[in-house]
């Protein structure tokens, strides 16, 4: 056992630009931390990471495969297994990471929890796509099982267009060759809601007003509030704002908060977001059906949090990371001195 009682927090990441605000807050405070780039990282099964880190915060995204880093996804699974086998405190650990790596698995969980989600089919070959639409309401979308940032999600309005795409082998199945064929739900009032949790508990929610032209609704890339105020997009991954999308703070119903916290608990996700929308297709005077459709373990907080939601979520995050690290270090010191 290491004699050190103040081991650093380790941040495991792949897309460095997303985490500039987190690194900046850690640097501002002088927090003891280290960066672990998954792109360059390697380890030995004989290593003792419990002697190097107070905790490891997993920030690797399933969308890594869209940046030529798909190998990092499966590497991260192995590294998280190693960390947890050594007793390291991992935030968004193996259970959480596996939850995010399968949209099909996310829907299975929603089914188990008796929560509403868009009707879907899971397939593994383009030739199955057309028959998978039986019983589904059009339009439909085809989305890769291992997603991230809306990559590969394609809408089809007719069976003929879907059959043509399947025949041309242009459907995006992604890294594991699995895809979802899913009903496209038109969003009521043209917005979705993203609910964020920290330590598994509700942190904030935002309405994202959409254009219908993109399935990538990363809140860090949205550049305006609904009243036209420009946001500081320091967290933007590609420095390309979504100029047609706006965002605002939102207070979700208590039952939504309870649903989201339950989803995150069963997904093993300490920090992340759940997205839902309300179906615009309903009779006048009736309430639209709410559908949960995406769970994110890697959550990029909304750009310019103080202006949008009234506080800096990165400050709240670092408060929590420091407290978790202090608890681990205190326990380790007690064990060493016992």
C-alpha atoms as a PDB file:
ATOM      1  CA  UNK A   1       0.000   0.000   0.000  1.00  0.00           C
ATOM      2  CA  UNK A   2       1.307   3.445  -0.921  1.00  0.00           C
ATOM      3  CA  UNK A   3       2.311   5.730   1.944  1.00  0.00           C
ATOM      4  CA  UNK A   4       0.945   8.751   0.068  1.00  0.00           C
ATOM      5  CA  UNK A   5      -2.254  10.209   1.503  1.00  0.00           C
ATOM      6  CA  UNK A   6      -2.838  12.820  -1.196  1.00  0.00           C
ATOM      7  CA  UNK A   7      -2.972  10.909  -4.436  1.00  0.00           C
ATOM      8  CA  UNK A   8      -4.167  12.833  -7.510  1.00  0.00           C
ATOM      9  CA  UNK A   9      -7.457  12.644  -9.337  1.00  0.00           C
ATOM     10  CA  UNK A  10      -6.962  11.079 -12.789  1.00  0.00           C
ATOM     11  CA  UNK A  11      -9.030  12.254 -15.749  1.00  0.00           C
ATOM     12  CA  UNK A  12      -9.217   9.598 -18.487  1.00  0.00           C
ATOM     13  CA  UNK A  13     -10.225  11.231 -21.766  1.00  0.00           C
ATOM     14  CA  UNK A  14      -9.985  10.975 -25.552  1.00  0.00           C
ATOM     15  CA  UNK A  15     -11.378  14.234 -26.993  1.00  0.00           C
ATOM     16  CA  UNK A  16      -9.323  16.883 -25.243  1.00  0.00           C
ATOM     17  CA  UNK A  17     -11.215  19.955 -26.469  1.00  0.00           C
ATOM     18  CA  UNK A  18     -14.403  18.919 -24.685  1.00  0.00           C
ATOM     19  CA  UNK A  19     -12.732  19.142 -21.297  1.00  0.00           C
ATOM     20  CA  UNK A  20     -11.045  22.516 -21.454  1.00  0.00           C
ATOM     21  CA  UNK A  21     -13.527  24.021 -18.948  1.00  0.00           C
ATOM     22  CA  UNK A  22     -13.003  21.098 -16.541  1.00  0.00           C
ATOM     23  CA  UNK A  23      -9.213  21.333 -16.786  1.00  0.00           C
ATOM     24  CA  UNK A  24      -9.409  25.116 -16.405  1.00  0.00           C
ATOM     25  CA  UNK A  25     -11.435  24.818 -13.186  1.00  0.00           C
ATOM     26  CA  UNK A  26      -9.055  22.204 -11.774  1.00  0.00           C
ATOM     27  CA  UNK A  27      -6.080  24.408 -12.679  1.00  0.00           C
ATOM     28  CA  UNK A  28      -7.709  27.510 -11.193  1.00  0.00           C
ATOM     29  CA  UNK A  29      -8.101  25.765  -7.859  1.00  0.00           C
ATOM     30  CA  UNK A  30      -4.711  24.099  -7.922  1.00  0.00           C
ATOM     31  CA  UNK A  31      -6.386  20.710  -7.584  1.00  0.00           C
ATOM     32  CA  UNK A  32      -4.050  17.735  -7.554  1.00  0.00           C
ATOM     33  CA  UNK A  33      -4.899  15.913 -10.780  1.00  0.00           C
ATOM     34  CA  UNK A  34      -3.345  14.197 -13.795  1.00  0.00           C
ATOM     35  CA  UNK A  35      -4.514  13.793 -17.376  1.00  0.00           C
ATOM     36  CA  UNK A  36      -4.643  10.299 -18.856  1.00  0.00           C
ATOM     37  CA  UNK A  37      -5.009  10.445 -22.635  1.00  0.00           C
ATOM     38  CA  UNK A  38      -6.663   7.200 -23.708  1.00  0.00           C
ATOM     39  CA  UNK A  39      -5.169   7.658 -27.174  1.00  0.00           C
ATOM     40  CA  UNK A  40      -1.637   7.230 -25.820  1.00  0.00           C
ATOM     41  CA  UNK A  41      -2.284   5.281 -22.624  1.00  0.00           C
ATOM     42  CA  UNK A  42      -1.038   1.747 -21.922  1.00  0.00           C
ATOM     43  CA  UNK A  43      -0.940  -0.362 -18.779  1.00  0.00           C
ATOM     44  CA  UNK A  44       0.227  -3.688 -17.375  1.00  0.00           C
ATOM     45  CA  UNK A  45      -2.130  -6.052 -15.542  1.00  0.00           C
ATOM     46  CA  UNK A  46       0.575  -6.096 -12.854  1.00  0.00           C
ATOM     47  CA  UNK A  47       0.280  -2.317 -12.311  1.00  0.00           C
ATOM     48  CA  UNK A  48      -1.103  -0.973  -9.045  1.00  0.00           C
ATOM     49  CA  UNK A  49      -3.184   2.079 -10.012  1.00  0.00           C
ATOM     50  CA  UNK A  50      -4.617   2.217  -6.475  1.00  0.00           C
ATOM     51  CA  UNK A  51      -1.156   3.450  -5.456  1.00  0.00           C
ATOM     52  CA  UNK A  52      -1.157   6.173  -8.131  1.00  0.00           C
ATOM     53  CA  UNK A  53      -4.634   7.744  -8.105  1.00  0.00           C
ATOM     54  CA  UNK A  54      -7.220   8.687  -5.514  1.00  0.00           C
ATOM     55  CA  UNK A  55      -9.876   8.092  -8.163  1.00  0.00           C
ATOM     56  CA  UNK A  56     -10.251   7.908 -11.942  1.00  0.00           C
ATOM     57  CA  UNK A  57     -12.898   9.945 -13.752  1.00  0.00           C
ATOM     58  CA  UNK A  58     -13.799   8.227 -17.044  1.00  0.00           C
ATOM     59  CA  UNK A  59     -14.503  10.764 -19.819  1.00  0.00           C
ATOM     60  CA  UNK A  60     -14.051   8.521 -22.883  1.00  0.00           C
ATOM     61  CA  UNK A  61     -16.913   8.825 -25.379  1.00  0.00           C
ATOM     62  CA  UNK A  62     -18.499   6.217 -27.665  1.00  0.00           C
ATOM     63  CA  UNK A  63     -18.168   8.810 -30.432  1.00  0.00           C
ATOM     64  CA  UNK A  64     -14.389   8.213 -30.412  1.00  0.00           C
ATOM     65  CA  UNK A  65     -14.877   5.940 -33.434  1.00  0.00           C
ATOM     66  CA  UNK A  66     -15.951   8.981 -35.445  1.00  0.00           C
ATOM     67  CA  UNK A  67     -12.550  10.551 -34.816  1.00  0.00           C
ATOM     68  CA  UNK A  68     -10.482   7.543 -35.843  1.00  0.00           C
ATOM     69  CA  UNK A  69     -10.122   6.414 -32.223  1.00  0.00           C
ATOM     70  CA  UNK A  70     -12.525   3.500 -32.111  1.00  0.00           C
ATOM     71  CA  UNK A  71      -9.793   1.335 -30.621  1.00  0.00           C
ATOM     72  CA  UNK A  72      -9.970   3.503 -27.496  1.00  0.00           C
ATOM     73  CA  UNK A  73     -13.494   2.279 -26.777  1.00  0.00           C
ATOM     74  CA  UNK A  74     -12.539  -1.351 -26.309  1.00  0.00           C
ATOM     75  CA  UNK A  75      -9.221  -0.423 -24.723  1.00  0.00           C
ATOM     76  CA  UNK A  76     -11.117   1.626 -22.150  1.00  0.00           C
ATOM     77  CA  UNK A  77     -13.334  -1.356 -21.289  1.00  0.00           C
ATOM     78  CA  UNK A  78     -10.217  -3.372 -20.435  1.00  0.00           C
ATOM     79  CA  UNK A  79      -8.586  -0.535 -18.491  1.00  0.00           C
ATOM     80  CA  UNK A  80     -11.729   0.070 -16.439  1.00  0.00           C
ATOM     81  CA  UNK A  81     -11.869  -3.648 -15.648  1.00  0.00           C
ATOM     82  CA  UNK A  82      -8.261  -3.421 -14.445  1.00  0.00           C
ATOM     83  CA  UNK A  83      -8.916  -0.335 -12.319  1.00  0.00           C
ATOM     84  CA  UNK A  84     -11.961  -1.796 -10.634  1.00  0.00           C
ATOM     85  CA  UNK A  85     -10.258  -5.146 -10.043  1.00  0.00           C
ATOM     86  CA  UNK A  86      -7.565  -3.201  -8.152  1.00  0.00           C
ATOM     87  CA  UNK A  87     -10.156  -1.441  -6.044  1.00  0.00           C
ATOM     88  CA  UNK A  88      -9.781   1.989  -7.611  1.00  0.00           C
ATOM     89  CA  UNK A  89     -12.723   4.371  -7.207  1.00  0.00           C
ATOM     90  CA  UNK A  90     -13.888   4.956 -10.788  1.00  0.00           C
ATOM     91  CA  UNK A  91     -16.466   7.605 -11.595  1.00  0.00           C
ATOM     92  CA  UNK A  92     -18.609   6.472 -14.527  1.00  0.00           C
ATOM     93  CA  UNK A  93     -16.909   3.125 -14.382  1.00  0.00           C
ATOM     94  CA  UNK A  94     -17.345  -0.119 -16.282  1.00  0.00           C
ATOM     95  CA  UNK A  95     -21.105  -0.468 -15.739  1.00  0.00           C
ATOM     96  CA  UNK A  96     -21.723   3.115 -16.836  1.00  0.00           C
ATOM     97  CA  UNK A  97     -19.439   2.824 -19.851  1.00  0.00           C
ATOM     98  CA  UNK A  98     -21.085  -0.373 -21.028  1.00  0.00           C
ATOM     99  CA  UNK A  99     -24.486   1.271 -20.594  1.00  0.00           C
ATOM    100  CA  UNK A 100     -23.468   4.085 -22.905  1.00  0.00           C
ATOM    101  CA  UNK A 101     -21.967   1.703 -25.472  1.00  0.00           C
ATOM    102  CA  UNK A 102     -25.324   0.130 -26.329  1.00  0.00           C
ATOM    103  CA  UNK A 103     -28.417   2.052 -27.329  1.00  0.00           C
ATOM    104  CA  UNK A 104     -30.161  -1.307 -27.563  1.00  0.00           C
ATOM    105  CA  UNK A 105     -29.231  -1.994 -23.951  1.00  0.00           C
ATOM    106  CA  UNK A 106     -30.536   1.430 -22.929  1.00  0.00           C
ATOM    107  CA  UNK A 107     -33.919   0.598 -24.427  1.00  0.00           C
ATOM    108  CA  UNK A 108     -33.954  -2.775 -22.690  1.00  0.00           C
ATOM    109  CA  UNK A 109     -33.435  -0.958 -19.394  1.00  0.00           C
ATOM    110  CA  UNK A 110     -36.250   1.488 -20.160  1.00  0.00           C
ATOM    111  CA  UNK A 111     -38.494  -1.497 -20.900  1.00  0.00           C
ATOM    112  CA  UNK A 112     -37.515  -3.104 -17.590  1.00  0.00           C
ATOM    113  CA  UNK A 113     -38.223   0.147 -15.743  1.00  0.00           C
ATOM    114  CA  UNK A 114     -41.580   0.470 -17.530  1.00  0.00           C
ATOM    115  CA  UNK A 115     -40.627   3.873 -18.935  1.00  0.00           C
ATOM    116  CA  UNK A 116     -41.782   5.081 -22.382  1.00  0.00           C
ATOM    117  CA  UNK A 117     -39.367   5.064 -25.323  1.00  0.00           C
ATOM    118  CA  UNK A 118     -39.745   5.153 -29.117  1.00  0.00           C
ATOM    119  CA  UNK A 119     -40.794   1.793 -30.542  1.00  0.00           C
ATOM    120  CA  UNK A 120     -37.678   0.137 -31.955  1.00  0.00           C
ATOM    121  CA  UNK A 121     -36.135  -2.946 -33.512  1.00  0.00           C
ATOM    122  CA  UNK A 122     -32.515  -4.102 -33.156  1.00  0.00           C
ATOM    123  CA  UNK A 123     -30.837  -5.468 -36.299  1.00  0.00           C
ATOM    124  CA  UNK A 124     -27.347  -6.454 -37.402  1.00  0.00           C
ATOM    125  CA  UNK A 125     -27.579  -6.553 -41.211  1.00  0.00           C
ATOM    126  CA  UNK A 126     -28.872  -3.990 -43.734  1.00  0.00           C
ATOM    127  CA  UNK A 127     -31.032  -6.697 -45.287  1.00  0.00           C
ATOM    128  CA  UNK A 128     -33.075  -6.782 -42.060  1.00  0.00           C
ATOM    129  CA  UNK A 129     -33.920  -3.068 -42.087  1.00  0.00           C
ATOM    130  CA  UNK A 130     -37.063  -3.146 -44.222  1.00  0.00           C
ATOM    131  CA  UNK A 131     -38.752  -6.019 -42.395  1.00  0.00           C
ATOM    132  CA  UNK A 132     -37.835  -4.403 -39.056  1.00  0.00           C
ATOM    133  CA  UNK A 133     -40.187  -1.513 -39.838  1.00  0.00           C
ATOM    134  CA  UNK A 134     -43.255  -3.748 -39.653  1.00  0.00           C
ATOM    135  CA  UNK A 135     -45.547  -2.347 -36.990  1.00  0.00           C
ATOM    136  CA  UNK A 136     -43.593   0.909 -36.719  1.00  0.00           C
ATOM    137  CA  UNK A 137     -45.019   4.308 -37.521  1.00  0.00           C
ATOM    138  CA  UNK A 138     -43.284   6.304 -40.246  1.00  0.00           C
ATOM    139  CA  UNK A 139     -41.010   8.213 -40.494  1.00  0.00           C
ATOM    140  CA  UNK A 140     -38.315   6.024 -38.976  1.00  0.00           C
ATOM    141  CA  UNK A 141     -34.658   6.559 -38.145  1.00  0.00           C
ATOM    142  CA  UNK A 142     -31.781   4.126 -38.373  1.00  0.00           C
ATOM    143  CA  UNK A 143     -29.098   4.731 -35.772  1.00  0.00           C
ATOM    144  CA  UNK A 144     -25.858   2.935 -34.844  1.00  0.00           C
ATOM    145  CA  UNK A 145     -25.949   0.988 -31.592  1.00  0.00           C
ATOM    146  CA  UNK A 146     -22.659   2.575 -30.519  1.00  0.00           C
ATOM    147  CA  UNK A 147     -23.470   6.197 -31.136  1.00  0.00           C
ATOM    148  CA  UNK A 148     -22.228   9.540 -29.948  1.00  0.00           C
ATOM    149  CA  UNK A 149     -23.023  13.074 -31.107  1.00  0.00           C
ATOM    150  CA  UNK A 150     -25.785  11.896 -33.422  1.00  0.00           C
ATOM    151  CA  UNK A 151     -23.292  10.184 -35.716  1.00  0.00           C
ATOM    152  CA  UNK A 152     -24.815   8.006 -38.412  1.00  0.00           C
ATOM    153  CA  UNK A 153     -28.445   8.668 -37.455  1.00  0.00           C
ATOM    154  CA  UNK A 154     -30.507   8.840 -40.657  1.00  0.00           C
ATOM    155  CA  UNK A 155     -34.196   9.558 -41.146  1.00  0.00           C
ATOM    156  CA  UNK A 156     -36.277   7.734 -43.758  1.00  0.00           C
ATOM    157  CA  UNK A 157     -39.760   8.822 -44.777  1.00  0.00           C
ATOM    158  CA  UNK A 158     -40.632   5.865 -47.018  1.00  0.00           C
ATOM    159  CA  UNK A 159     -40.001   2.154 -47.185  1.00  0.00           C
ATOM    160  CA  UNK A 160     -38.643   2.610 -50.720  1.00  0.00           C
ATOM    161  CA  UNK A 161     -35.937   5.033 -49.586  1.00  0.00           C
ATOM    162  CA  UNK A 162     -34.922   2.691 -46.776  1.00  0.00           C
ATOM    163  CA  UNK A 163     -34.761  -0.300 -49.124  1.00  0.00           C
ATOM    164  CA  UNK A 164     -32.633   1.704 -51.556  1.00  0.00           C
ATOM    165  CA  UNK A 165     -30.190   2.672 -48.779  1.00  0.00           C
ATOM    166  CA  UNK A 166     -29.976  -0.926 -47.593  1.00  0.00           C
ATOM    167  CA  UNK A 167     -29.343  -2.172 -51.138  1.00  0.00           C
ATOM    168  CA  UNK A 168     -26.639   0.460 -51.615  1.00  0.00           C
ATOM    169  CA  UNK A 169     -25.090  -0.502 -48.255  1.00  0.00           C
ATOM    170  CA  UNK A 170     -25.174   3.103 -47.052  1.00  0.00           C
ATOM    171  CA  UNK A 171     -26.877   2.477 -43.703  1.00  0.00           C
ATOM    172  CA  UNK A 172     -24.594   3.345 -40.777  1.00  0.00           C
ATOM    173  CA  UNK A 173     -24.302   0.404 -38.399  1.00  0.00           C
ATOM    174  CA  UNK A 174     -21.220   1.671 -36.606  1.00  0.00           C
ATOM    175  CA  UNK A 175     -18.449  -0.006 -34.705  1.00  0.00           C
ATOM    176  CA  UNK A 176     -20.260  -3.165 -33.563  1.00  0.00           C
ATOM    177  CA  UNK A 177     -22.328  -3.714 -36.740  1.00  0.00           C
ATOM    178  CA  UNK A 178     -25.584  -3.318 -34.798  1.00  0.00           C
ATOM    179  CA  UNK A 179     -28.264  -0.725 -35.506  1.00  0.00           C
ATOM    180  CA  UNK A 180     -31.654   0.387 -34.251  1.00  0.00           C
ATOM    181  CA  UNK A 181     -34.635   0.876 -36.533  1.00  0.00           C
ATOM    182  CA  UNK A 182     -36.772   3.291 -34.548  1.00  0.00           C
ATOM    183  CA  UNK A 183     -39.879   5.394 -34.899  1.00  0.00           C
ATOM    184  CA  UNK A 184     -39.075   9.059 -35.469  1.00  0.00           C
ATOM    185  CA  UNK A 185     -40.995  11.083 -32.885  1.00  0.00           C
ATOM    186  CA  UNK A 186     -41.774  14.679 -33.927  1.00  0.00           C
ATOM    187  CA  UNK A 187     -41.010  16.880 -30.945  1.00  0.00           C
ATOM    188  CA  UNK A 188     -43.807  18.985 -29.522  1.00  0.00           C
ATOM    189  CA  UNK A 189     -43.014  22.710 -29.779  1.00  0.00           C
ATOM    190  CA  UNK A 190     -39.802  21.725 -31.613  1.00  0.00           C
ATOM    191  CA  UNK A 191     -37.706  21.077 -28.518  1.00  0.00           C
ATOM    192  CA  UNK A 192     -36.169  18.250 -26.530  1.00  0.00           C
ATOM    193  CA  UNK A 193     -35.231  18.279 -22.856  1.00  0.00           C
ATOM    194  CA  UNK A 194     -31.875  17.213 -21.487  1.00  0.00           C
ATOM    195  CA  UNK A 195     -31.696  16.435 -17.765  1.00  0.00           C
ATOM    196  CA  UNK A 196     -28.257  16.317 -16.132  1.00  0.00           C
ATOM    197  CA  UNK A 197     -27.274  14.491 -12.953  1.00  0.00           C
ATOM    198  CA  UNK A 198     -24.239  14.751 -10.677  1.00  0.00           C
ATOM    199  CA  UNK A 199     -23.556  11.990  -8.161  1.00  0.00           C
ATOM    200  CA  UNK A 200     -26.693  10.390  -9.598  1.00  0.00           C
ATOM    201  CA  UNK A 201     -28.877  13.291  -8.465  1.00  0.00           C
ATOM    202  CA  UNK A 202     -30.625  15.993 -10.479  1.00  0.00           C
ATOM    203  CA  UNK A 203     -28.344  18.928 -11.282  1.00  0.00           C
ATOM    204  CA  UNK A 204     -30.226  20.930 -13.919  1.00  0.00           C
ATOM    205  CA  UNK A 205     -32.300  20.620 -17.078  1.00  0.00           C
ATOM    206  CA  UNK A 206     -32.392  22.548 -20.333  1.00  0.00           C
ATOM    207  CA  UNK A 207     -34.733  22.821 -23.261  1.00  0.00           C
ATOM    208  CA  UNK A 208     -32.924  22.523 -26.579  1.00  0.00           C
ATOM    209  CA  UNK A 209     -34.927  24.114 -29.376  1.00  0.00           C
ATOM    210  CA  UNK A 210     -34.192  22.137 -32.516  1.00  0.00           C
ATOM    211  CA  UNK A 211     -34.366  22.680 -36.256  1.00  0.00           C
ATOM    212  CA  UNK A 212     -34.918  19.050 -37.266  1.00  0.00           C
ATOM    213  CA  UNK A 213     -31.784  19.167 -39.422  1.00  0.00           C
ATOM    214  CA  UNK A 214     -29.401  17.510 -36.980  1.00  0.00           C
ATOM    215  CA  UNK A 215     -29.444  14.679 -34.459  1.00  0.00           C
ATOM    216  CA  UNK A 216     -26.334  16.051 -32.708  1.00  0.00           C
ATOM    217  CA  UNK A 217     -27.685  18.109 -29.830  1.00  0.00           C
ATOM    218  CA  UNK A 218     -24.504  18.471 -27.770  1.00  0.00           C
ATOM    219  CA  UNK A 219     -25.345  21.412 -25.455  1.00  0.00           C
ATOM    220  CA  UNK A 220     -21.731  22.573 -25.387  1.00  0.00           C
ATOM    221  CA  UNK A 221     -21.974  23.417 -29.099  1.00  0.00           C
ATOM    222  CA  UNK A 222     -25.138  25.518 -28.928  1.00  0.00           C
ATOM    223  CA  UNK A 223     -24.302  29.172 -29.283  1.00  0.00           C
ATOM    224  CA  UNK A 224     -27.453  31.136 -28.362  1.00  0.00           C
ATOM    225  CA  UNK A 225     -30.144  31.377 -25.744  1.00  0.00           C
ATOM    226  CA  UNK A 226     -33.763  31.674 -26.802  1.00  0.00           C
ATOM    227  CA  UNK A 227     -33.557  35.461 -26.399  1.00  0.00           C
ATOM    228  CA  UNK A 228     -30.638  35.646 -28.828  1.00  0.00           C
ATOM    229  CA  UNK A 229     -27.779  36.054 -26.343  1.00  0.00           C
ATOM    230  CA  UNK A 230     -24.476  34.669 -27.629  1.00  0.00           C
ATOM    231  CA  UNK A 231     -22.898  32.078 -25.357  1.00  0.00           C
ATOM    232  CA  UNK A 232     -19.274  31.451 -24.524  1.00  0.00           C
ATOM    233  CA  UNK A 233     -18.677  28.084 -26.223  1.00  0.00           C
ATOM    234  CA  UNK A 234     -15.367  27.223 -24.580  1.00  0.00           C
ATOM    235  CA  UNK A 235     -16.382  23.554 -24.455  1.00  0.00           C
ATOM    236  CA  UNK A 236     -17.162  23.231 -28.152  1.00  0.00           C
ATOM    237  CA  UNK A 237     -15.467  20.140 -29.547  1.00  0.00           C
ATOM    238  CA  UNK A 238     -14.970  21.332 -33.124  1.00  0.00           C
ATOM    239  CA  UNK A 239     -15.392  25.089 -32.809  1.00  0.00           C
ATOM    240  CA  UNK A 240     -18.451  24.979 -35.043  1.00  0.00           C
ATOM    241  CA  UNK A 241     -21.537  26.348 -33.314  1.00  0.00           C
ATOM    242  CA  UNK A 242     -24.992  25.070 -34.123  1.00  0.00           C
ATOM    243  CA  UNK A 243     -26.354  28.443 -35.129  1.00  0.00           C
ATOM    244  CA  UNK A 244     -29.927  27.276 -35.703  1.00  0.00           C
ATOM    245  CA  UNK A 245     -30.368  25.723 -32.250  1.00  0.00           C
ATOM    246  CA  UNK A 246     -31.102  27.623 -29.049  1.00  0.00           C
ATOM    247  CA  UNK A 247     -31.142  26.630 -25.390  1.00  0.00           C
ATOM    248  CA  UNK A 248     -32.813  27.724 -22.167  1.00  0.00           C
ATOM    249  CA  UNK A 249     -33.068  26.582 -18.563  1.00  0.00           C
ATOM    250  CA  UNK A 250     -36.036  24.391 -17.683  1.00  0.00           C
ATOM    251  CA  UNK A 251     -37.642  23.011 -14.537  1.00  0.00           C
ATOM    252  CA  UNK A 252     -38.831  19.491 -15.371  1.00  0.00           C
ATOM    253  CA  UNK A 253     -41.750  17.832 -13.574  1.00  0.00           C
ATOM    254  CA  UNK A 254     -40.910  15.934 -10.395  1.00  0.00           C
ATOM    255  CA  UNK A 255     -41.774  12.624 -12.058  1.00  0.00           C
ATOM    256  CA  UNK A 256     -39.197  13.281 -14.794  1.00  0.00           C
ATOM    257  CA  UNK A 257     -36.488  13.932 -12.206  1.00  0.00           C
ATOM    258  CA  UNK A 258     -37.420  10.691 -10.455  1.00  0.00           C
ATOM    259  CA  UNK A 259     -37.381   8.786 -13.768  1.00  0.00           C
ATOM    260  CA  UNK A 260     -33.981  10.168 -14.752  1.00  0.00           C
ATOM    261  CA  UNK A 261     -32.400   9.429 -11.386  1.00  0.00           C
ATOM    262  CA  UNK A 262     -33.752   5.878 -11.591  1.00  0.00           C
ATOM    263  CA  UNK A 263     -32.354   5.434 -15.107  1.00  0.00           C
ATOM    264  CA  UNK A 264     -28.951   6.670 -13.994  1.00  0.00           C
ATOM    265  CA  UNK A 265     -28.936   4.476 -10.890  1.00  0.00           C
ATOM    266  CA  UNK A 266     -29.642   1.328 -12.897  1.00  0.00           C
ATOM    267  CA  UNK A 267     -27.120   2.412 -15.571  1.00  0.00           C
ATOM    268  CA  UNK A 268     -24.352   2.929 -13.010  1.00  0.00           C
ATOM    269  CA  UNK A 269     -23.886   6.522 -14.210  1.00  0.00           C
ATOM    270  CA  UNK A 270     -22.630   9.032 -11.637  1.00  0.00           C
ATOM    271  CA  UNK A 271     -22.595  12.025 -13.951  1.00  0.00           C
ATOM    272  CA  UNK A 272     -24.436  12.275 -17.258  1.00  0.00           C
ATOM    273  CA  UNK A 273     -27.621  13.260 -19.020  1.00  0.00           C
ATOM    274  CA  UNK A 274     -30.898  11.775 -20.208  1.00  0.00           C
ATOM    275  CA  UNK A 275     -32.800  13.242 -23.145  1.00  0.00           C
ATOM    276  CA  UNK A 276     -36.519  13.070 -23.718  1.00  0.00           C
ATOM    277  CA  UNK A 277     -39.161  14.674 -25.896  1.00  0.00           C
ATOM    278  CA  UNK A 278     -42.922  14.938 -26.035  1.00  0.00           C
ATOM    279  CA  UNK A 279     -44.732  13.581 -29.086  1.00  0.00           C
ATOM    280  CA  UNK A 280     -46.478  16.339 -31.025  1.00  0.00           C
ATOM    281  CA  UNK A 281     -48.933  13.817 -32.512  1.00  0.00           C
ATOM    282  CA  UNK A 282     -51.912  13.940 -30.185  1.00  0.00           C
ATOM    283  CA  UNK A 283     -55.486  15.109 -30.236  1.00  0.00           C
ATOM    284  CA  UNK A 284     -56.298  18.666 -29.251  1.00  0.00           C
ATOM    285  CA  UNK A 285     -56.830  18.899 -25.512  1.00  0.00           C
ATOM    286  CA  UNK A 286     -54.791  15.755 -24.827  1.00  0.00           C
ATOM    287  CA  UNK A 287     -51.321  15.667 -23.326  1.00  0.00           C
ATOM    288  CA  UNK A 288     -48.588  14.376 -25.595  1.00  0.00           C
ATOM    289  CA  UNK A 289     -46.708  11.183 -24.727  1.00  0.00           C
ATOM    290  CA  UNK A 290     -43.256  11.670 -23.219  1.00  0.00           C
ATOM    291  CA  UNK A 291     -40.472   9.443 -24.605  1.00  0.00           C
ATOM    292  CA  UNK A 292     -36.999   8.902 -23.150  1.00  0.00           C
ATOM    293  CA  UNK A 293     -34.636   8.161 -26.001  1.00  0.00           C
ATOM    294  CA  UNK A 294     -30.969   8.678 -25.063  1.00  0.00           C
ATOM    295  CA  UNK A 295     -28.727   8.158 -22.039  1.00  0.00           C
ATOM    296  CA  UNK A 296     -25.324   9.834 -21.923  1.00  0.00           C
ATOM    297  CA  UNK A 297     -22.550   8.924 -19.490  1.00  0.00           C
ATOM    298  CA  UNK A 298     -20.250  11.458 -21.084  1.00  0.00           C
ATOM    299  CA  UNK A 299     -22.074  14.708 -20.554  1.00  0.00           C
ATOM    300  CA  UNK A 300     -20.772  17.954 -21.996  1.00  0.00           C
ATOM    301  CA  UNK A 301     -22.362  20.622 -19.855  1.00  0.00           C
ATOM    302  CA  UNK A 302     -24.294  23.425 -21.476  1.00  0.00           C
ATOM    303  CA  UNK A 303     -22.108  26.224 -22.824  1.00  0.00           C
ATOM    304  CA  UNK A 304     -21.882  29.243 -20.511  1.00  0.00           C
ATOM    305  CA  UNK A 305     -23.708  27.620 -17.609  1.00  0.00           C
ATOM    306  CA  UNK A 306     -23.855  30.745 -15.405  1.00  0.00           C
ATOM    307  CA  UNK A 307     -25.782  32.620 -18.098  1.00  0.00           C
ATOM    308  CA  UNK A 308     -28.122  29.768 -19.053  1.00  0.00           C
ATOM    309  CA  UNK A 309     -28.849  27.946 -15.784  1.00  0.00           C
ATOM    310  CA  UNK A 310     -27.594  30.424 -13.192  1.00  0.00           C
ATOM    311  CA  UNK A 311     -24.498  28.577 -11.977  1.00  0.00           C
ATOM    312  CA  UNK A 312     -21.286  26.972 -13.232  1.00  0.00           C
ATOM    313  CA  UNK A 313     -21.806  23.188 -13.405  1.00  0.00           C
ATOM    314  CA  UNK A 314     -18.051  22.648 -13.706  1.00  0.00           C
ATOM    315  CA  UNK A 315     -17.558  24.254 -10.307  1.00  0.00           C
ATOM    316  CA  UNK A 316     -20.171  21.886  -8.833  1.00  0.00           C
ATOM    317  CA  UNK A 317     -18.447  18.959 -10.552  1.00  0.00           C
ATOM    318  CA  UNK A 318     -15.010  19.836  -9.197  1.00  0.00           C
ATOM    319  CA  UNK A 319     -16.447  20.384  -5.705  1.00  0.00           C
ATOM    320  CA  UNK A 320     -17.710  16.826  -5.847  1.00  0.00           C
ATOM    321  CA  UNK A 321     -14.532  15.362  -7.371  1.00  0.00           C
ATOM    322  CA  UNK A 322     -12.410  16.974  -4.655  1.00  0.00           C
ATOM    323  CA  UNK A 323     -14.713  15.658  -1.918  1.00  0.00           C
ATOM    324  CA  UNK A 324     -14.654  12.137  -3.374  1.00  0.00           C
ATOM    325  CA  UNK A 325     -10.868  12.207  -3.686  1.00  0.00           C
ATOM    326  CA  UNK A 326     -10.475  13.491  -0.128  1.00  0.00           C
ATOM    327  CA  UNK A 327     -12.668  10.677   1.175  1.00  0.00           C
ATOM    328  CA  UNK A 328     -10.610   8.045  -0.665  1.00  0.00           C
ATOM    329  CA  UNK A 329      -7.330   9.565   0.534  1.00  0.00           C
ATOM    330  CA  UNK A 330      -8.547   9.724   4.139  1.00  0.00           C
ATOM    331  CA  UNK A 331      -9.575   6.080   4.024  1.00  0.00           C
ATOM    332  CA  UNK A 332      -6.221   5.110   2.526  1.00  0.00           C
ATOM    333  CA  UNK A 333      -4.307   7.063   5.173  1.00  0.00           C
ATOM    334  CA  UNK A 334      -6.304   5.403   7.941  1.00  0.00           C
ATOM    335  CA  UNK A 335      -5.477   1.974   6.499  1.00  0.00           C
ATOM    336  CA  UNK A 336      -1.769   2.805   6.234  1.00  0.00           C
ATOM    337  CA  UNK A 337      -1.497   4.139   9.789  1.00  0.00           C
ATOM    338  CA  UNK A 338      -3.657   1.476  11.421  1.00  0.00           C
END
